[in-house]
Amino acid sequence: YMWSEKSRSWFRFLWNEFGDSENRRRIE
């Protein structure tokens, strides 16, 4: 929101989600 050329208010939001499903078979 620009109140004037000399004043500005702001609201910022950033949401992130990372899902990692891993199936591993190992023979040692």
PDB file of all heavy atoms in Angstrom:
ATOM      1  N   TYR A   1       0.851  -1.188   0.000  1.00  0.00           N
ATOM      2  CA  TYR A   1       0.000   0.000   0.000  1.00  0.00           C
ATOM      3  C   TYR A   1       0.886   1.238   0.000  1.00  0.00           C
ATOM      4  O   TYR A   1       1.704   1.426   0.905  1.00  0.00           O
ATOM      5  CB  TYR A   1      -0.925   0.029   1.218  1.00  0.00           C
ATOM      6  CG  TYR A   1      -1.911   1.183   1.192  1.00  0.00           C
ATOM      7  CD1 TYR A   1      -3.079   1.098   0.437  1.00  0.00           C
ATOM      8  CD2 TYR A   1      -1.652   2.351   1.890  1.00  0.00           C
ATOM      9  CE1 TYR A   1      -3.977   2.148   0.390  1.00  0.00           C
ATOM     10  CE2 TYR A   1      -2.543   3.417   1.856  1.00  0.00           C
ATOM     11  CZ  TYR A   1      -3.712   3.313   1.103  1.00  0.00           C
ATOM     12  OH  TYR A   1      -4.589   4.353   1.057  1.00  0.00           O
ATOM     13  N   MET A   2       0.749   2.059  -1.039  1.00  0.00           N
ATOM     14  CA  MET A   2       1.515   3.296  -1.154  1.00  0.00           C
ATOM     15  C   MET A   2       0.710   4.437  -0.527  1.00  0.00           C
ATOM     16  O   MET A   2      -0.272   4.916  -1.103  1.00  0.00           O
ATOM     17  CB  MET A   2       1.802   3.596  -2.624  1.00  0.00           C
ATOM     18  CG  MET A   2       2.673   2.565  -3.325  1.00  0.00           C
ATOM     19  SD  MET A   2       4.410   2.662  -2.827  1.00  0.00           S
ATOM     20  CE  MET A   2       4.847   4.271  -3.438  1.00  0.00           C
ATOM     21  N   TRP A   3       1.124   4.836   0.676  1.00  0.00           N
ATOM     22  CA  TRP A   3       0.460   5.970   1.315  1.00  0.00           C
ATOM     23  C   TRP A   3       0.732   7.254   0.535  1.00  0.00           C
ATOM     24  O   TRP A   3      -0.128   8.117   0.403  1.00  0.00           O
ATOM     25  CB  TRP A   3       0.949   6.119   2.747  1.00  0.00           C
ATOM     26  CG  TRP A   3       0.677   4.922   3.610  1.00  0.00           C
ATOM     27  CD1 TRP A   3       1.504   3.860   3.830  1.00  0.00           C
ATOM     28  CD2 TRP A   3      -0.511   4.652   4.352  1.00  0.00           C
ATOM     29  NE1 TRP A   3       0.917   2.942   4.662  1.00  0.00           N
ATOM     30  CE2 TRP A   3      -0.326   3.408   5.015  1.00  0.00           C
ATOM     31  CE3 TRP A   3      -1.709   5.334   4.539  1.00  0.00           C
ATOM     32  CZ2 TRP A   3      -1.288   2.844   5.831  1.00  0.00           C
ATOM     33  CZ3 TRP A   3      -2.679   4.774   5.360  1.00  0.00           C
ATOM     34  CH2 TRP A   3      -2.467   3.549   5.988  1.00  0.00           C
ATOM     35  N   SER A   4       1.945   7.365   0.050  1.00  0.00           N
ATOM     36  CA  SER A   4       2.379   8.499  -0.753  1.00  0.00           C
ATOM     37  C   SER A   4       3.649   8.084  -1.477  1.00  0.00           C
ATOM     38  O   SER A   4       4.094   6.938  -1.364  1.00  0.00           O
ATOM     39  CB  SER A   4       2.619   9.739   0.123  1.00  0.00           C
ATOM     40  OG  SER A   4       3.722   9.518   0.994  1.00  0.00           O
ATOM     41  N   GLU A   5       4.245   8.997  -2.194  1.00  0.00           N
ATOM     42  CA  GLU A   5       5.504   8.696  -2.860  1.00  0.00           C
ATOM     43  C   GLU A   5       6.630   8.457  -1.857  1.00  0.00           C
ATOM     44  O   GLU A   5       7.660   7.885  -2.202  1.00  0.00           O
ATOM     45  CB  GLU A   5       5.888   9.857  -3.786  1.00  0.00           C
ATOM     46  CG  GLU A   5       5.034   9.976  -5.026  1.00  0.00           C
ATOM     47  CD  GLU A   5       5.222   8.803  -5.972  1.00  0.00           C
ATOM     48  OE1 GLU A   5       6.321   8.217  -5.976  1.00  0.00           O
ATOM     49  OE2 GLU A   5       4.275   8.471  -6.703  1.00  0.00           O
ATOM     50  N   LYS A   6       6.410   8.873  -0.596  1.00  0.00           N
ATOM     51  CA  LYS A   6       7.456   8.758   0.405  1.00  0.00           C
ATOM     52  C   LYS A   6       7.165   7.724   1.484  1.00  0.00           C
ATOM     53  O   LYS A   6       7.944   7.570   2.415  1.00  0.00           O
ATOM     54  CB  LYS A   6       7.685  10.119   1.069  1.00  0.00           C
ATOM     55  CG  LYS A   6       8.108  11.202   0.104  1.00  0.00           C
ATOM     56  CD  LYS A   6       8.355  12.515   0.827  1.00  0.00           C
ATOM     57  CE  LYS A   6       8.778  13.597  -0.155  1.00  0.00           C
ATOM     58  NZ  LYS A   6       9.054  14.893   0.531  1.00  0.00           N
ATOM     59  N   SER A   7       6.063   7.014   1.374  1.00  0.00           N
ATOM     60  CA  SER A   7       5.712   6.054   2.419  1.00  0.00           C
ATOM     61  C   SER A   7       5.006   4.852   1.792  1.00  0.00           C
ATOM     62  O   SER A   7       4.084   5.012   0.986  1.00  0.00           O
ATOM     63  CB  SER A   7       4.815   6.699   3.471  1.00  0.00           C
ATOM     64  OG  SER A   7       4.452   5.768   4.471  1.00  0.00           O
ATOM     65  N   ARG A   8       5.457   3.652   2.183  1.00  0.00           N
ATOM     66  CA  ARG A   8       4.848   2.419   1.686  1.00  0.00           C
ATOM     67  C   ARG A   8       4.807   1.390   2.790  1.00  0.00           C
ATOM     68  O   ARG A   8       5.782   1.197   3.517  1.00  0.00           O
ATOM     69  CB  ARG A   8       5.632   1.864   0.499  1.00  0.00           C
ATOM     70  CG  ARG A   8       5.034   0.589  -0.071  1.00  0.00           C
ATOM     71  CD  ARG A   8       5.831   0.040  -1.227  1.00  0.00           C
ATOM     72  NE  ARG A   8       7.057  -0.594  -0.783  1.00  0.00           N
ATOM     73  CZ  ARG A   8       7.744  -1.478  -1.515  1.00  0.00           C
ATOM     74  NH1 ARG A   8       7.316  -1.803  -2.725  1.00  0.00           N
ATOM     75  NH2 ARG A   8       8.839  -2.003  -1.055  1.00  0.00           N
ATOM     76  N   SER A   9       3.676   0.699   2.929  1.00  0.00           N
ATOM     77  CA  SER A   9       3.540  -0.408   3.868  1.00  0.00           C
ATOM     78  C   SER A   9       3.415  -1.699   3.073  1.00  0.00           C
ATOM     79  O   SER A   9       2.870  -1.704   1.961  1.00  0.00           O
ATOM     80  CB  SER A   9       2.308  -0.227   4.766  1.00  0.00           C
ATOM     81  OG  SER A   9       2.431   0.933   5.567  1.00  0.00           O
ATOM     82  N   TRP A  10       3.877  -2.814   3.653  1.00  0.00           N
ATOM     83  CA  TRP A  10       3.837  -4.084   2.923  1.00  0.00           C
ATOM     84  C   TRP A  10       3.649  -5.262   3.865  1.00  0.00           C
ATOM     85  O   TRP A  10       3.960  -5.197   5.047  1.00  0.00           O
ATOM     86  CB  TRP A  10       5.112  -4.292   2.103  1.00  0.00           C
ATOM     87  CG  TRP A  10       6.384  -3.899   2.794  1.00  0.00           C
ATOM     88  CD1 TRP A  10       7.078  -2.740   2.639  1.00  0.00           C
ATOM     89  CD2 TRP A  10       7.120  -4.667   3.755  1.00  0.00           C
ATOM     90  NE1 TRP A  10       8.199  -2.729   3.441  1.00  0.00           N
ATOM     91  CE2 TRP A  10       8.251  -3.899   4.134  1.00  0.00           C
ATOM     92  CE3 TRP A  10       6.936  -5.914   4.337  1.00  0.00           C
ATOM     93  CZ2 TRP A  10       9.179  -4.351   5.068  1.00  0.00           C
ATOM     94  CZ3 TRP A  10       7.867  -6.369   5.268  1.00  0.00           C
ATOM     95  CH2 TRP A  10       8.969  -5.575   5.618  1.00  0.00           C
ATOM     96  N   PHE A  11       3.074  -6.322   3.284  1.00  0.00           N
ATOM     97  CA  PHE A  11       2.909  -7.608   3.955  1.00  0.00           C
ATOM     98  C   PHE A  11       3.422  -8.679   3.005  1.00  0.00           C
ATOM     99  O   PHE A  11       3.016  -8.744   1.839  1.00  0.00           O
ATOM    100  CB  PHE A  11       1.437  -7.863   4.293  1.00  0.00           C
ATOM    101  CG  PHE A  11       1.162  -9.284   4.733  1.00  0.00           C
ATOM    102  CD1 PHE A  11       1.391  -9.683   6.046  1.00  0.00           C
ATOM    103  CD2 PHE A  11       0.677 -10.227   3.828  1.00  0.00           C
ATOM    104  CE1 PHE A  11       1.149 -10.990   6.445  1.00  0.00           C
ATOM    105  CE2 PHE A  11       0.426 -11.532   4.217  1.00  0.00           C
ATOM    106  CZ  PHE A  11       0.665 -11.915   5.540  1.00  0.00           C
ATOM    107  N   ARG A  12       4.315  -9.553   3.500  1.00  0.00           N
ATOM    108  CA  ARG A  12       4.918 -10.583   2.659  1.00  0.00           C
ATOM    109  C   ARG A  12       4.833 -11.937   3.356  1.00  0.00           C
ATOM    110  O   ARG A  12       5.082 -12.032   4.558  1.00  0.00           O
ATOM    111  CB  ARG A  12       6.383 -10.248   2.363  1.00  0.00           C
ATOM    112  CG  ARG A  12       6.582  -8.953   1.573  1.00  0.00           C
ATOM    113  CD  ARG A  12       8.012  -8.517   1.584  1.00  0.00           C
ATOM    114  NE  ARG A  12       8.208  -7.259   0.867  1.00  0.00           N
ATOM    115  CZ  ARG A  12       9.242  -6.448   1.044  1.00  0.00           C
ATOM    116  NH1 ARG A  12      10.188  -6.784   1.920  1.00  0.00           N
ATOM    117  NH2 ARG A  12       9.346  -5.330   0.364  1.00  0.00           N
ATOM    118  N   PHE A  13       4.494 -12.944   2.580  1.00  0.00           N
ATOM    119  CA  PHE A  13       4.373 -14.294   3.124  1.00  0.00           C
ATOM    120  C   PHE A  13       4.885 -15.293   2.090  1.00  0.00           C
ATOM    121  O   PHE A  13       4.526 -15.221   0.911  1.00  0.00           O
ATOM    122  CB  PHE A  13       2.916 -14.608   3.482  1.00  0.00           C
ATOM    123  CG  PHE A  13       2.698 -16.015   3.965  1.00  0.00           C
ATOM    124  CD1 PHE A  13       3.097 -16.397   5.242  1.00  0.00           C
ATOM    125  CD2 PHE A  13       2.099 -16.961   3.156  1.00  0.00           C
ATOM    126  CE1 PHE A  13       2.904 -17.699   5.688  1.00  0.00           C
ATOM    127  CE2 PHE A  13       1.895 -18.260   3.587  1.00  0.00           C
ATOM    128  CZ  PHE A  13       2.300 -18.629   4.867  1.00  0.00           C
ATOM    129  N   LEU A  14       5.734 -16.207   2.538  1.00  0.00           N
ATOM    130  CA  LEU A  14       6.256 -17.266   1.670  1.00  0.00           C
ATOM    131  C   LEU A  14       6.271 -18.564   2.459  1.00  0.00           C
ATOM    132  O   LEU A  14       6.876 -18.642   3.527  1.00  0.00           O
ATOM    133  CB  LEU A  14       7.667 -16.930   1.182  1.00  0.00           C
ATOM    134  CG  LEU A  14       8.373 -18.016   0.346  1.00  0.00           C
ATOM    135  CD1 LEU A  14       7.607 -18.268  -0.942  1.00  0.00           C
ATOM    136  CD2 LEU A  14       9.814 -17.629   0.058  1.00  0.00           C
ATOM    137  N   TRP A  15       5.582 -19.593   1.930  1.00  0.00           N
ATOM    138  CA  TRP A  15       5.480 -20.908   2.578  1.00  0.00           C
ATOM    139  C   TRP A  15       5.984 -21.966   1.615  1.00  0.00           C
ATOM    140  O   TRP A  15       5.607 -21.990   0.434  1.00  0.00           O
ATOM    141  CB  TRP A  15       4.039 -21.178   2.973  1.00  0.00           C
ATOM    142  CG  TRP A  15       3.792 -22.553   3.528  1.00  0.00           C
ATOM    143  CD1 TRP A  15       3.919 -22.959   4.821  1.00  0.00           C
ATOM    144  CD2 TRP A  15       3.354 -23.705   2.804  1.00  0.00           C
ATOM    145  NE1 TRP A  15       3.599 -24.283   4.949  1.00  0.00           N
ATOM    146  CE2 TRP A  15       3.254 -24.775   3.722  1.00  0.00           C
ATOM    147  CE3 TRP A  15       3.039 -23.929   1.461  1.00  0.00           C
ATOM    148  CZ2 TRP A  15       2.849 -26.044   3.342  1.00  0.00           C
ATOM    149  CZ3 TRP A  15       2.646 -25.201   1.075  1.00  0.00           C
ATOM    150  CH2 TRP A  15       2.547 -26.243   2.021  1.00  0.00           C
ATOM    151  N   ASN A  16       6.832 -22.878   2.111  1.00  0.00           N
ATOM    152  CA  ASN A  16       7.409 -23.930   1.281  1.00  0.00           C
ATOM    153  C   ASN A  16       7.383 -25.252   2.042  1.00  0.00           C
ATOM    154  O   ASN A  16       7.650 -25.280   3.254  1.00  0.00           O
ATOM    155  CB  ASN A  16       8.866 -23.613   0.913  1.00  0.00           C
ATOM    156  CG  ASN A  16       9.042 -22.243   0.310  1.00  0.00           C
ATOM    157  OD1 ASN A  16       8.809 -22.031  -0.870  1.00  0.00           O
ATOM    158  ND2 ASN A  16       9.448 -21.281   1.141  1.00  0.00           N
ATOM    159  N   GLU A  17       7.077 -26.334   1.324  1.00  0.00           N
ATOM    160  CA  GLU A  17       7.104 -27.677   1.911  1.00  0.00           C
ATOM    161  C   GLU A  17       7.752 -28.641   0.922  1.00  0.00           C
ATOM    162  O   GLU A  17       7.420 -28.652  -0.271  1.00  0.00           O
ATOM    163  CB  GLU A  17       5.701 -28.156   2.258  1.00  0.00           C
ATOM    164  CG  GLU A  17       5.678 -29.547   2.895  1.00  0.00           C
ATOM    165  CD  GLU A  17       4.288 -29.999   3.278  1.00  0.00           C
ATOM    166  OE1 GLU A  17       3.806 -29.550   4.332  1.00  0.00           O
ATOM    167  OE2 GLU A  17       3.675 -30.766   2.510  1.00  0.00           O
ATOM    168  N   PHE A  18       8.663 -29.448   1.433  1.00  0.00           N
ATOM    169  CA  PHE A  18       9.399 -30.406   0.619  1.00  0.00           C
ATOM    170  C   PHE A  18       9.219 -31.794   1.208  1.00  0.00           C
ATOM    171  O   PHE A  18       9.542 -32.038   2.376  1.00  0.00           O
ATOM    172  CB  PHE A  18      10.881 -30.027   0.594  1.00  0.00           C
ATOM    173  CG  PHE A  18      11.757 -31.010  -0.137  1.00  0.00           C
ATOM    174  CD1 PHE A  18      11.747 -31.081  -1.509  1.00  0.00           C
ATOM    175  CD2 PHE A  18      12.610 -31.852   0.562  1.00  0.00           C
ATOM    176  CE1 PHE A  18      12.560 -31.973  -2.189  1.00  0.00           C
ATOM    177  CE2 PHE A  18      13.422 -32.751  -0.094  1.00  0.00           C
ATOM    178  CZ  PHE A  18      13.399 -32.814  -1.475  1.00  0.00           C
ATOM    179  N   GLY A  19       8.660 -32.717   0.416  1.00  0.00           N
ATOM    180  CA  GLY A  19       8.464 -34.092   0.852  1.00  0.00           C
ATOM    181  C   GLY A  19       9.392 -35.035   0.117  1.00  0.00           C
ATOM    182  O   GLY A  19       9.533 -34.950  -1.111  1.00  0.00           O
ATOM    183  N   ASP A  20      10.043 -35.931   0.849  1.00  0.00           N
ATOM    184  CA  ASP A  20      11.016 -36.861   0.271  1.00  0.00           C
ATOM    185  C   ASP A  20      10.736 -38.262   0.807  1.00  0.00           C
ATOM    186  O   ASP A  20      11.005 -38.568   1.966  1.00  0.00           O
ATOM    187  CB  ASP A  20      12.431 -36.406   0.633  1.00  0.00           C
ATOM    188  CG  ASP A  20      13.496 -37.249  -0.061  1.00  0.00           C
ATOM    189  OD1 ASP A  20      13.137 -38.025  -0.962  1.00  0.00           O
ATOM    190  OD2 ASP A  20      14.679 -37.119   0.299  1.00  0.00           O
ATOM    191  N   SER A  21      10.151 -39.123  -0.046  1.00  0.00           N
ATOM    192  CA  SER A  21       9.856 -40.500   0.321  1.00  0.00           C
ATOM    193  C   SER A  21      10.922 -41.404  -0.297  1.00  0.00           C
ATOM    194  O   SER A  21      11.071 -41.436  -1.525  1.00  0.00           O
ATOM    195  CB  SER A  21       8.465 -40.900  -0.177  1.00  0.00           C
ATOM    196  OG  SER A  21       8.198 -42.258   0.105  1.00  0.00           O
ATOM    197  N   GLU A  22      11.650 -42.114   0.560  1.00  0.00           N
ATOM    198  CA  GLU A  22      12.783 -42.911   0.081  1.00  0.00           C
ATOM    199  C   GLU A  22      12.652 -44.361   0.540  1.00  0.00           C
ATOM    200  O   GLU A  22      12.467 -44.641   1.724  1.00  0.00           O
ATOM    201  CB  GLU A  22      14.099 -42.326   0.603  1.00  0.00           C
ATOM    202  CG  GLU A  22      15.330 -43.122   0.214  1.00  0.00           C
ATOM    203  CD  GLU A  22      16.591 -42.518   0.801  1.00  0.00           C
ATOM    204  OE1 GLU A  22      16.840 -41.310   0.567  1.00  0.00           O
ATOM    205  OE2 GLU A  22      17.321 -43.234   1.516  1.00  0.00           O
ATOM    206  N   ASN A  23      12.763 -45.277  -0.417  1.00  0.00           N
ATOM    207  CA  ASN A  23      12.849 -46.709  -0.139  1.00  0.00           C
ATOM    208  C   ASN A  23      14.219 -47.186  -0.616  1.00  0.00           C
ATOM    209  O   ASN A  23      14.545 -47.036  -1.806  1.00  0.00           O
ATOM    210  CB  ASN A  23      11.743 -47.485  -0.860  1.00  0.00           C
ATOM    211  CG  ASN A  23      10.374 -47.154  -0.315  1.00  0.00           C
ATOM    212  OD1 ASN A  23      10.107 -47.368   0.862  1.00  0.00           O
ATOM    213  ND2 ASN A  23       9.499 -46.632  -1.149  1.00  0.00           N
ATOM    214  N   ARG A  24      14.973 -47.756   0.318  1.00  0.00           N
ATOM    215  CA  ARG A  24      16.326 -48.190  -0.038  1.00  0.00           C
ATOM    216  C   ARG A  24      16.535 -49.646   0.351  1.00  0.00           C
ATOM    217  O   ARG A  24      16.200 -50.064   1.464  1.00  0.00           O
ATOM    218  CB  ARG A  24      17.377 -47.328   0.669  1.00  0.00           C
ATOM    219  CG  ARG A  24      18.809 -47.637   0.232  1.00  0.00           C
ATOM    220  CD  ARG A  24      19.804 -46.941   1.114  1.00  0.00           C
ATOM    221  NE  ARG A  24      19.854 -47.529   2.451  1.00  0.00           N
ATOM    222  CZ  ARG A  24      20.599 -47.056   3.446  1.00  0.00           C
ATOM    223  NH1 ARG A  24      21.319 -45.978   3.281  1.00  0.00           N
ATOM    224  NH2 ARG A  24      20.586 -47.651   4.625  1.00  0.00           N
ATOM    225  N   ARG A  25      17.116 -50.423  -0.572  1.00  0.00           N
ATOM    226  CA  ARG A  25      17.538 -51.789  -0.298  1.00  0.00           C
ATOM    227  C   ARG A  25      19.057 -51.831  -0.405  1.00  0.00           C
ATOM    228  O   ARG A  25      19.622 -51.401  -1.411  1.00  0.00           O
ATOM    229  CB  ARG A  25      16.901 -52.758  -1.300  1.00  0.00           C
ATOM    230  CG  ARG A  25      15.393 -52.866  -1.166  1.00  0.00           C
ATOM    231  CD  ARG A  25      14.797 -53.728  -2.243  1.00  0.00           C
ATOM    232  NE  ARG A  25      14.921 -53.096  -3.552  1.00  0.00           N
ATOM    233  CZ  ARG A  25      14.447 -53.640  -4.679  1.00  0.00           C
ATOM    234  NH1 ARG A  25      13.844 -54.815  -4.651  1.00  0.00           N
ATOM    235  NH2 ARG A  25      14.582 -53.014  -5.826  1.00  0.00           N
ATOM    236  N   ARG A  26      19.699 -52.358   0.637  1.00  0.00           N
ATOM    237  CA  ARG A  26      21.162 -52.396   0.651  1.00  0.00           C
ATOM    238  C   ARG A  26      21.653 -53.778   1.072  1.00  0.00           C
ATOM    239  O   ARG A  26      21.169 -54.349   2.060  1.00  0.00           O
ATOM    240  CB  ARG A  26      21.725 -51.350   1.616  1.00  0.00           C
ATOM    241  CG  ARG A  26      23.249 -51.256   1.587  1.00  0.00           C
ATOM    242  CD  ARG A  26      23.756 -50.318   2.665  1.00  0.00           C
ATOM    243  NE  ARG A  26      23.607 -50.907   3.992  1.00  0.00           N
ATOM    244  CZ  ARG A  26      24.102 -50.375   5.106  1.00  0.00           C
ATOM    245  NH1 ARG A  26      24.742 -49.221   5.052  1.00  0.00           N
ATOM    246  NH2 ARG A  26      23.933 -50.968   6.270  1.00  0.00           N
ATOM    247  N   ILE A  27      22.606 -54.318   0.330  1.00  0.00           N
ATOM    248  CA  ILE A  27      23.296 -55.557   0.687  1.00  0.00           C
ATOM    249  C   ILE A  27      24.774 -55.215   0.881  1.00  0.00           C
ATOM    250  O   ILE A  27      25.418 -54.699  -0.033  1.00  0.00           O
ATOM    251  CB  ILE A  27      23.142 -56.628  -0.407  1.00  0.00           C
ATOM    252  CG1 ILE A  27      21.670 -56.986  -0.596  1.00  0.00           C
ATOM    253  CG2 ILE A  27      23.938 -57.883  -0.046  1.00  0.00           C
ATOM    254  CD1 ILE A  27      21.429 -57.990  -1.702  1.00  0.00           C
ATOM    255  N   GLU A  28      25.284 -55.469   2.083  1.00  0.00           N
ATOM    256  CA  GLU A  28      26.677 -55.141   2.399  1.00  0.00           C
ATOM    257  C   GLU A  28      27.471 -56.432   2.643  1.00  0.00           C
ATOM    258  O   GLU A  28      27.125 -57.232   3.519  1.00  0.00           O
ATOM    259  CB  GLU A  28      26.755 -54.243   3.628  1.00  0.00           C
ATOM    260  CG  GLU A  28      28.181 -53.844   3.979  1.00  0.00           C
ATOM    261  CD  GLU A  28      28.246 -52.910   5.182  1.00  0.00           C
ATOM    262  OE1 GLU A  28      27.177 -52.629   5.771  1.00  0.00           O
ATOM    263  OE2 GLU A  28      29.351 -52.473   5.535  1.00  0.00           O
TER     264      GLU A  28
END
